[in-house]
Amino acid sequence: MGFLGWIIIGALAGWLGSIITGNNARMGALANILVGIAGGFLGGLIFNLIGGLGITGFNLWSLLVAVVGAVVLLFIVNLFRRK
């Protein structure tokens, strides 16, 4: 997947992850993209550790993996932010 694919998947995954975790009002477009890209890496690691496939290209499965990773990442960030 190319650079533009990572940006698009990252933006969608970060936005969906921020909606799921309730952070959407506090995050802008750049934060959503960064969280989505980091979530893609984290989600790929998580799915590979449990025996599944990680990011496989520009498709819905990769978006799902990135959203799961973004939700986990935002959950961890929220734990530290609320203290």
PDB file of N, CA and C in Angstrom:
ATOM      1  N   MET A   1       0.866  -1.164   0.000  1.00  0.00           N
ATOM      2  CA  MET A   1       0.000   0.000   0.000  1.00  0.00           C
ATOM      3  C   MET A   1       0.911   1.224   0.000  1.00  0.00           C
ATOM      4  N   GLY A   2       0.577   2.190  -0.809  1.00  0.00           N
ATOM      5  CA  GLY A   2       1.394   3.376  -0.938  1.00  0.00           C
ATOM      6  C   GLY A   2       1.111   4.423   0.124  1.00  0.00           C
ATOM      7  N   PHE A   3       1.843   5.511   0.018  1.00  0.00           N
ATOM      8  CA  PHE A   3       1.742   6.602   0.973  1.00  0.00           C
ATOM      9  C   PHE A   3       0.326   7.161   1.044  1.00  0.00           C
ATOM     10  N   LEU A   4      -0.301   7.374  -0.104  1.00  0.00           N
ATOM     11  CA  LEU A   4      -1.664   7.913  -0.132  1.00  0.00           C
ATOM     12  C   LEU A   4      -2.664   6.937   0.487  1.00  0.00           C
ATOM     13  N   GLY A   5      -2.451   5.652   0.278  1.00  0.00           N
ATOM     14  CA  GLY A   5      -3.319   4.642   0.889  1.00  0.00           C
ATOM     15  C   GLY A   5      -3.255   4.676   2.399  1.00  0.00           C
ATOM     16  N   TRP A   6      -2.033   4.842   2.945  1.00  0.00           N
ATOM     17  CA  TRP A   6      -1.877   4.938   4.400  1.00  0.00           C
ATOM     18  C   TRP A   6      -2.579   6.181   4.939  1.00  0.00           C
ATOM     19  N   ILE A   7      -2.501   7.289   4.202  1.00  0.00           N
ATOM     20  CA  ILE A   7      -3.154   8.523   4.638  1.00  0.00           C
ATOM     21  C   ILE A   7      -4.671   8.334   4.665  1.00  0.00           C
ATOM     22  N   ILE A   8      -5.223   7.735   3.620  1.00  0.00           N
ATOM     23  CA  ILE A   8      -6.682   7.550   3.534  1.00  0.00           C
ATOM     24  C   ILE A   8      -7.167   6.569   4.597  1.00  0.00           C
ATOM     25  N   ILE A   9      -6.522   5.414   4.681  1.00  0.00           N
ATOM     26  CA  ILE A   9      -6.906   4.424   5.700  1.00  0.00           C
ATOM     27  C   ILE A   9      -6.712   5.018   7.095  1.00  0.00           C
ATOM     28  N   GLY A  10      -5.605   5.734   7.298  1.00  0.00           N
ATOM     29  CA  GLY A  10      -5.334   6.354   8.591  1.00  0.00           C
ATOM     30  C   GLY A  10      -6.386   7.371   8.976  1.00  0.00           C
ATOM     31  N   ALA A  11      -6.788   8.202   8.021  1.00  0.00           N
ATOM     32  CA  ALA A  11      -7.806   9.220   8.307  1.00  0.00           C
ATOM     33  C   ALA A  11      -9.136   8.568   8.673  1.00  0.00           C
ATOM     34  N   LEU A  12      -9.547   7.584   7.903  1.00  0.00           N
ATOM     35  CA  LEU A  12     -10.821   6.902   8.193  1.00  0.00           C
ATOM     36  C   LEU A  12     -10.761   6.138   9.513  1.00  0.00           C
ATOM     37  N   ALA A  13      -9.672   5.404   9.730  1.00  0.00           N
ATOM     38  CA  ALA A  13      -9.546   4.613  10.959  1.00  0.00           C
ATOM     39  C   ALA A  13      -9.455   5.518  12.184  1.00  0.00           C
ATOM     40  N   GLY A  14      -8.695   6.596  12.084  1.00  0.00           N
ATOM     41  CA  GLY A  14      -8.584   7.522  13.212  1.00  0.00           C
ATOM     42  C   GLY A  14      -9.900   8.198  13.523  1.00  0.00           C
ATOM     43  N   TRP A  15     -10.621   8.586  12.475  1.00  0.00           N
ATOM     44  CA  TRP A  15     -11.919   9.235  12.669  1.00  0.00           C
ATOM     45  C   TRP A  15     -12.913   8.266  13.306  1.00  0.00           C
ATOM     46  N   LEU A  16     -12.990   7.046  12.781  1.00  0.00           N
ATOM     47  CA  LEU A  16     -13.913   6.052  13.357  1.00  0.00           C
ATOM     48  C   LEU A  16     -13.506   5.685  14.782  1.00  0.00           C
ATOM     49  N   GLY A  17     -12.202   5.540  15.017  1.00  0.00           N
ATOM     50  CA  GLY A  17     -11.726   5.243  16.365  1.00  0.00           C
ATOM     51  C   GLY A  17     -12.042   6.353  17.351  1.00  0.00           C
ATOM     52  N   SER A  18     -11.919   7.614  16.899  1.00  0.00           N
ATOM     53  CA  SER A  18     -12.222   8.736  17.794  1.00  0.00           C
ATOM     54  C   SER A  18     -13.720   8.822  18.085  1.00  0.00           C
ATOM     55  N   ILE A  19     -14.546   8.448  17.130  1.00  0.00           N
ATOM     56  CA  ILE A  19     -15.996   8.418  17.374  1.00  0.00           C
ATOM     57  C   ILE A  19     -16.330   7.316  18.381  1.00  0.00           C
ATOM     58  N   ILE A  20     -15.739   6.148  18.211  1.00  0.00           N
ATOM     59  CA  ILE A  20     -16.022   5.018  19.096  1.00  0.00           C
ATOM     60  C   ILE A  20     -15.589   5.321  20.533  1.00  0.00           C
ATOM     61  N   THR A  21     -14.448   5.976  20.697  1.00  0.00           N
ATOM     62  CA  THR A  21     -13.929   6.251  22.047  1.00  0.00           C
ATOM     63  C   THR A  21     -14.414   7.573  22.623  1.00  0.00           C
ATOM     64  N   GLY A  22     -15.158   8.364  21.857  1.00  0.00           N
ATOM     65  CA  GLY A  22     -15.693   9.627  22.352  1.00  0.00           C
ATOM     66  C   GLY A  22     -14.711  10.783  22.304  1.00  0.00           C
ATOM     67  N   ASN A  23     -13.656  10.666  21.508  1.00  0.00           N
ATOM     68  CA  ASN A  23     -12.647  11.720  21.399  1.00  0.00           C
ATOM     69  C   ASN A  23     -12.844  12.613  20.181  1.00  0.00           C
ATOM     70  N   ASN A  24     -13.894  12.441  19.428  1.00  0.00           N
ATOM     71  CA  ASN A  24     -14.045  13.133  18.151  1.00  0.00           C
ATOM     72  C   ASN A  24     -14.056  14.647  18.299  1.00  0.00           C
ATOM     73  N   ALA A  25     -14.642  15.186  19.358  1.00  0.00           N
ATOM     74  CA  ALA A  25     -14.724  16.633  19.534  1.00  0.00           C
ATOM     75  C   ALA A  25     -13.360  17.241  19.843  1.00  0.00           C
ATOM     76  N   ARG A  26     -12.432  16.463  20.388  1.00  0.00           N
ATOM     77  CA  ARG A  26     -11.115  16.986  20.771  1.00  0.00           C
ATOM     78  C   ARG A  26     -10.045  16.776  19.709  1.00  0.00           C
ATOM     79  N   MET A  27     -10.347  16.052  18.649  1.00  0.00           N
ATOM     80  CA  MET A  27      -9.329  15.701  17.664  1.00  0.00           C
ATOM     81  C   MET A  27      -9.597  16.376  16.333  1.00  0.00           C
ATOM     82  N   GLY A  28      -8.554  16.804  15.683  1.00  0.00           N
ATOM     83  CA  GLY A  28      -8.657  17.381  14.353  1.00  0.00           C
ATOM     84  C   GLY A  28      -8.280  16.354  13.293  1.00  0.00           C
ATOM     85  N   ALA A  29      -8.226  16.792  12.061  1.00  0.00           N
ATOM     86  CA  ALA A  29      -7.944  15.890  10.950  1.00  0.00           C
ATOM     87  C   ALA A  29      -6.536  15.302  11.040  1.00  0.00           C
ATOM     88  N   LEU A  30      -5.547  16.122  11.375  1.00  0.00           N
ATOM     89  CA  LEU A  30      -4.175  15.626  11.456  1.00  0.00           C
ATOM     90  C   LEU A  30      -4.033  14.596  12.578  1.00  0.00           C
ATOM     91  N   ALA A  31      -4.653  14.852  13.715  1.00  0.00           N
ATOM     92  CA  ALA A  31      -4.608  13.892  14.826  1.00  0.00           C
ATOM     93  C   ALA A  31      -5.294  12.590  14.428  1.00  0.00           C
ATOM     94  N   ASN A  32      -6.405  12.670  13.717  1.00  0.00           N
ATOM     95  CA  ASN A  32      -7.085  11.459  13.257  1.00  0.00           C
ATOM     96  C   ASN A  32      -6.192  10.650  12.323  1.00  0.00           C
ATOM     97  N   ILE A  33      -5.504  11.325  11.409  1.00  0.00           N
ATOM     98  CA  ILE A  33      -4.621  10.623  10.473  1.00  0.00           C
ATOM     99  C   ILE A  33      -3.483   9.946  11.222  1.00  0.00           C
ATOM    100  N   LEU A  34      -2.853  10.676  12.143  1.00  0.00           N
ATOM    101  CA  LEU A  34      -1.728  10.103  12.891  1.00  0.00           C
ATOM    102  C   LEU A  34      -2.157   8.931  13.769  1.00  0.00           C
ATOM    103  N   VAL A  35      -3.298   9.084  14.438  1.00  0.00           N
ATOM    104  CA  VAL A  35      -3.811   7.994  15.274  1.00  0.00           C
ATOM    105  C   VAL A  35      -4.194   6.794  14.404  1.00  0.00           C
ATOM    106  N   GLY A  36      -4.776   7.048  13.247  1.00  0.00           N
ATOM    107  CA  GLY A  36      -5.152   5.953  12.350  1.00  0.00           C
ATOM    108  C   GLY A  36      -3.960   5.197  11.809  1.00  0.00           C
ATOM    109  N   ILE A  37      -2.894   5.920  11.437  1.00  0.00           N
ATOM    110  CA  ILE A  37      -1.688   5.252  10.939  1.00  0.00           C
ATOM    111  C   ILE A  37      -1.027   4.452  12.054  1.00  0.00           C
ATOM    112  N   ALA A  38      -0.888   5.062  13.229  1.00  0.00           N
ATOM    113  CA  ALA A  38      -0.321   4.329  14.370  1.00  0.00           C
ATOM    114  C   ALA A  38      -1.227   3.156  14.743  1.00  0.00           C
ATOM    115  N   GLY A  39      -2.541   3.360  14.642  1.00  0.00           N
ATOM    116  CA  GLY A  39      -3.487   2.278  14.913  1.00  0.00           C
ATOM    117  C   GLY A  39      -3.355   1.142  13.914  1.00  0.00           C
ATOM    118  N   GLY A  40      -3.029   1.467  12.671  1.00  0.00           N
ATOM    119  CA  GLY A  40      -2.800   0.427  11.668  1.00  0.00           C
ATOM    120  C   GLY A  40      -1.621  -0.455  12.043  1.00  0.00           C
ATOM    121  N   PHE A  41      -0.542   0.174  12.493  1.00  0.00           N
ATOM    122  CA  PHE A  41       0.615  -0.607  12.944  1.00  0.00           C
ATOM    123  C   PHE A  41       0.280  -1.430  14.182  1.00  0.00           C
ATOM    124  N   LEU A  42      -0.379  -0.796  15.155  1.00  0.00           N
ATOM    125  CA  LEU A  42      -0.734  -1.491  16.390  1.00  0.00           C
ATOM    126  C   LEU A  42      -1.742  -2.607  16.124  1.00  0.00           C
ATOM    127  N   GLY A  43      -2.751  -2.323  15.314  1.00  0.00           N
ATOM    128  CA  GLY A  43      -3.748  -3.343  14.971  1.00  0.00           C
ATOM    129  C   GLY A  43      -3.121  -4.501  14.213  1.00  0.00           C
ATOM    130  N   GLY A  44      -2.197  -4.195  13.297  1.00  0.00           N
ATOM    131  CA  GLY A  44      -1.498  -5.259  12.581  1.00  0.00           C
ATOM    132  C   GLY A  44      -0.697  -6.132  13.517  1.00  0.00           C
ATOM    133  N   LEU A  45      -0.045  -5.509  14.493  1.00  0.00           N
ATOM    134  CA  LEU A  45       0.714  -6.277  15.491  1.00  0.00           C
ATOM    135  C   LEU A  45      -0.206  -7.157  16.323  1.00  0.00           C
ATOM    136  N   ILE A  46      -1.318  -6.582  16.775  1.00  0.00           N
ATOM    137  CA  ILE A  46      -2.274  -7.345  17.595  1.00  0.00           C
ATOM    138  C   ILE A  46      -2.836  -8.525  16.813  1.00  0.00           C
ATOM    139  N   PHE A  47      -3.277  -8.275  15.574  1.00  0.00           N
ATOM    140  CA  PHE A  47      -3.873  -9.348  14.777  1.00  0.00           C
ATOM    141  C   PHE A  47      -2.838 -10.418  14.427  1.00  0.00           C
ATOM    142  N   ASN A  48      -1.592 -10.027  14.166  1.00  0.00           N
ATOM    143  CA  ASN A  48      -0.553 -11.019  13.889  1.00  0.00           C
ATOM    144  C   ASN A  48      -0.235 -11.854  15.125  1.00  0.00           C
ATOM    145  N   LEU A  49      -0.283 -11.245  16.307  1.00  0.00           N
ATOM    146  CA  LEU A  49      -0.012 -11.988  17.538  1.00  0.00           C
ATOM    147  C   LEU A  49      -1.085 -13.025  17.840  1.00  0.00           C
ATOM    148  N   ILE A  50      -2.338 -12.745  17.456  1.00  0.00           N
ATOM    149  CA  ILE A  50      -3.412 -13.718  17.721  1.00  0.00           C
ATOM    150  C   ILE A  50      -3.627 -14.674  16.546  1.00  0.00           C
ATOM    151  N   GLY A  51      -2.760 -14.577  15.542  1.00  0.00           N
ATOM    152  CA  GLY A  51      -2.812 -15.533  14.451  1.00  0.00           C
ATOM    153  C   GLY A  51      -3.591 -15.083  13.237  1.00  0.00           C
ATOM    154  N   GLY A  52      -4.029 -13.856  13.202  1.00  0.00           N
ATOM    155  CA  GLY A  52      -4.774 -13.352  12.054  1.00  0.00           C
ATOM    156  C   GLY A  52      -3.886 -12.590  11.093  1.00  0.00           C
ATOM    157  N   LEU A  53      -4.513 -12.038  10.093  1.00  0.00           N
ATOM    158  CA  LEU A  53      -3.800 -11.212   9.122  1.00  0.00           C
ATOM    159  C   LEU A  53      -3.849  -9.767   9.562  1.00  0.00           C
ATOM    160  N   GLY A  54      -2.768  -9.061   9.364  1.00  0.00           N
ATOM    161  CA  GLY A  54      -2.731  -7.636   9.669  1.00  0.00           C
ATOM    162  C   GLY A  54      -3.204  -6.831   8.466  1.00  0.00           C
ATOM    163  N   ILE A  55      -2.539  -5.737   8.195  1.00  0.00           N
ATOM    164  CA  ILE A  55      -2.864  -4.887   7.063  1.00  0.00           C
ATOM    165  C   ILE A  55      -2.496  -5.633   5.787  1.00  0.00           C
ATOM    166  N   THR A  56      -3.469  -5.809   4.895  1.00  0.00           N
ATOM    167  CA  THR A  56      -3.249  -6.589   3.674  1.00  0.00           C
ATOM    168  C   THR A  56      -3.320  -5.756   2.409  1.00  0.00           C
ATOM    169  N   GLY A  57      -3.547  -4.478   2.522  1.00  0.00           N
ATOM    170  CA  GLY A  57      -3.650  -3.615   1.351  1.00  0.00           C
ATOM    171  C   GLY A  57      -4.754  -2.601   1.565  1.00  0.00           C
ATOM    172  N   PHE A  58      -5.207  -2.021   0.500  1.00  0.00           N
ATOM    173  CA  PHE A  58      -6.250  -1.000   0.562  1.00  0.00           C
ATOM    174  C   PHE A  58      -7.609  -1.684   0.439  1.00  0.00           C
ATOM    175  N   ASN A  59      -8.138  -2.185   1.575  1.00  0.00           N
ATOM    176  CA  ASN A  59      -9.410  -2.903   1.565  1.00  0.00           C
ATOM    177  C   ASN A  59     -10.105  -2.752   2.918  1.00  0.00           C
ATOM    178  N   LEU A  60     -11.303  -3.305   3.035  1.00  0.00           N
ATOM    179  CA  LEU A  60     -12.078  -3.177   4.274  1.00  0.00           C
ATOM    180  C   LEU A  60     -11.430  -3.899   5.450  1.00  0.00           C
ATOM    181  N   TRP A  61     -10.776  -5.028   5.195  1.00  0.00           N
ATOM    182  CA  TRP A  61     -10.110  -5.748   6.277  1.00  0.00           C
ATOM    183  C   TRP A  61      -9.028  -4.876   6.911  1.00  0.00           C
ATOM    184  N   SER A  62      -8.239  -4.223   6.086  1.00  0.00           N
ATOM    185  CA  SER A  62      -7.189  -3.345   6.599  1.00  0.00           C
ATOM    186  C   SER A  62      -7.778  -2.183   7.382  1.00  0.00           C
ATOM    187  N   LEU A  63      -8.902  -1.659   6.912  1.00  0.00           N
ATOM    188  CA  LEU A  63      -9.574  -0.592   7.644  1.00  0.00           C
ATOM    189  C   LEU A  63     -10.038  -1.087   9.010  1.00  0.00           C
ATOM    190  N   LEU A  64     -10.593  -2.286   9.071  1.00  0.00           N
ATOM    191  CA  LEU A  64     -11.037  -2.866  10.337  1.00  0.00           C
ATOM    192  C   LEU A  64      -9.853  -3.055  11.294  1.00  0.00           C
ATOM    193  N   VAL A  65      -8.741  -3.567  10.786  1.00  0.00           N
ATOM    194  CA  VAL A  65      -7.547  -3.764  11.611  1.00  0.00           C
ATOM    195  C   VAL A  65      -7.064  -2.422  12.149  1.00  0.00           C
ATOM    196  N   ALA A  66      -7.034  -1.399  11.295  1.00  0.00           N
ATOM    197  CA  ALA A  66      -6.566  -0.077  11.711  1.00  0.00           C
ATOM    198  C   ALA A  66      -7.522   0.558  12.724  1.00  0.00           C
ATOM    199  N   VAL A  67      -8.827   0.348  12.563  1.00  0.00           N
ATOM    200  CA  VAL A  67      -9.799   0.892  13.520  1.00  0.00           C
ATOM    201  C   VAL A  67      -9.625   0.226  14.877  1.00  0.00           C
ATOM    202  N   VAL A  68      -9.446  -1.087  14.897  1.00  0.00           N
ATOM    203  CA  VAL A  68      -9.216  -1.792  16.167  1.00  0.00           C
ATOM    204  C   VAL A  68      -7.954  -1.247  16.836  1.00  0.00           C
ATOM    205  N   GLY A  69      -6.903  -1.076  16.077  1.00  0.00           N
ATOM    206  CA  GLY A  69      -5.668  -0.530  16.630  1.00  0.00           C
ATOM    207  C   GLY A  69      -5.844   0.897  17.132  1.00  0.00           C
ATOM    208  N   ALA A  70      -6.593   1.715  16.389  1.00  0.00           N
ATOM    209  CA  ALA A  70      -6.831   3.100  16.798  1.00  0.00           C
ATOM    210  C   ALA A  70      -7.652   3.154  18.082  1.00  0.00           C
ATOM    211  N   VAL A  71      -8.638   2.285  18.205  1.00  0.00           N
ATOM    212  CA  VAL A  71      -9.456   2.249  19.428  1.00  0.00           C
ATOM    213  C   VAL A  71      -8.594   1.844  20.617  1.00  0.00           C
ATOM    214  N   VAL A  72      -7.740   0.852  20.453  1.00  0.00           N
ATOM    215  CA  VAL A  72      -6.849   0.430  21.541  1.00  0.00           C
ATOM    216  C   VAL A  72      -5.908   1.569  21.911  1.00  0.00           C
ATOM    217  N   LEU A  73      -5.332   2.223  20.907  1.00  0.00           N
ATOM    218  CA  LEU A  73      -4.414   3.330  21.165  1.00  0.00           C
ATOM    219  C   LEU A  73      -5.114   4.482  21.874  1.00  0.00           C
ATOM    220  N   LEU A  74      -6.301   4.862  21.430  1.00  0.00           N
ATOM    221  CA  LEU A  74      -7.034   5.956  22.070  1.00  0.00           C
ATOM    222  C   LEU A  74      -7.501   5.576  23.475  1.00  0.00           C
ATOM    223  N   PHE A  75      -7.818   4.306  23.698  1.00  0.00           N
ATOM    224  CA  PHE A  75      -8.188   3.847  25.032  1.00  0.00           C
ATOM    225  C   PHE A  75      -7.003   4.021  25.992  1.00  0.00           C
ATOM    226  N   ILE A  76      -5.808   3.650  25.534  1.00  0.00           N
ATOM    227  CA  ILE A  76      -4.611   3.811  26.362  1.00  0.00           C
ATOM    228  C   ILE A  76      -4.329   5.287  26.621  1.00  0.00           C
ATOM    229  N   VAL A  77      -4.453   6.118  25.595  1.00  0.00           N
ATOM    230  CA  VAL A  77      -4.243   7.562  25.753  1.00  0.00           C
ATOM    231  C   VAL A  77      -5.246   8.141  26.746  1.00  0.00           C
ATOM    232  N   ASN A  78      -6.497   7.707  26.664  1.00  0.00           N
ATOM    233  CA  ASN A  78      -7.527   8.204  27.587  1.00  0.00           C
ATOM    234  C   ASN A  78      -7.236   7.800  29.033  1.00  0.00           C
ATOM    235  N   LEU A  79      -6.642   6.627  29.235  1.00  0.00           N
ATOM    236  CA  LEU A  79      -6.290   6.218  30.602  1.00  0.00           C
ATOM    237  C   LEU A  79      -5.298   7.174  31.225  1.00  0.00           C
ATOM    238  N   PHE A  80      -4.320   7.616  30.448  1.00  0.00           N
ATOM    239  CA  PHE A  80      -3.310   8.533  30.974  1.00  0.00           C
ATOM    240  C   PHE A  80      -3.813   9.973  31.036  1.00  0.00           C
ATOM    241  N   ARG A  81      -4.673  10.350  30.126  1.00  0.00           N
ATOM    242  CA  ARG A  81      -5.157  11.727  30.067  1.00  0.00           C
ATOM    243  C   ARG A  81      -6.110  12.034  31.212  1.00  0.00           C
ATOM    244  N   ARG A  82      -6.885  11.100  31.665  1.00  0.00           N
ATOM    245  CA  ARG A  82      -7.895  11.335  32.693  1.00  0.00           C
ATOM    246  C   ARG A  82      -7.318  11.362  34.097  1.00  0.00           C
ATOM    247  N   LYS A  83      -6.086  10.936  34.281  1.00  0.00           N
ATOM    248  CA  LYS A  83      -5.487  10.900  35.624  1.00  0.00           C
ATOM    249  C   LYS A  83      -4.955  12.235  36.018  1.00  0.00           C
TER     250      LYS A  83
END
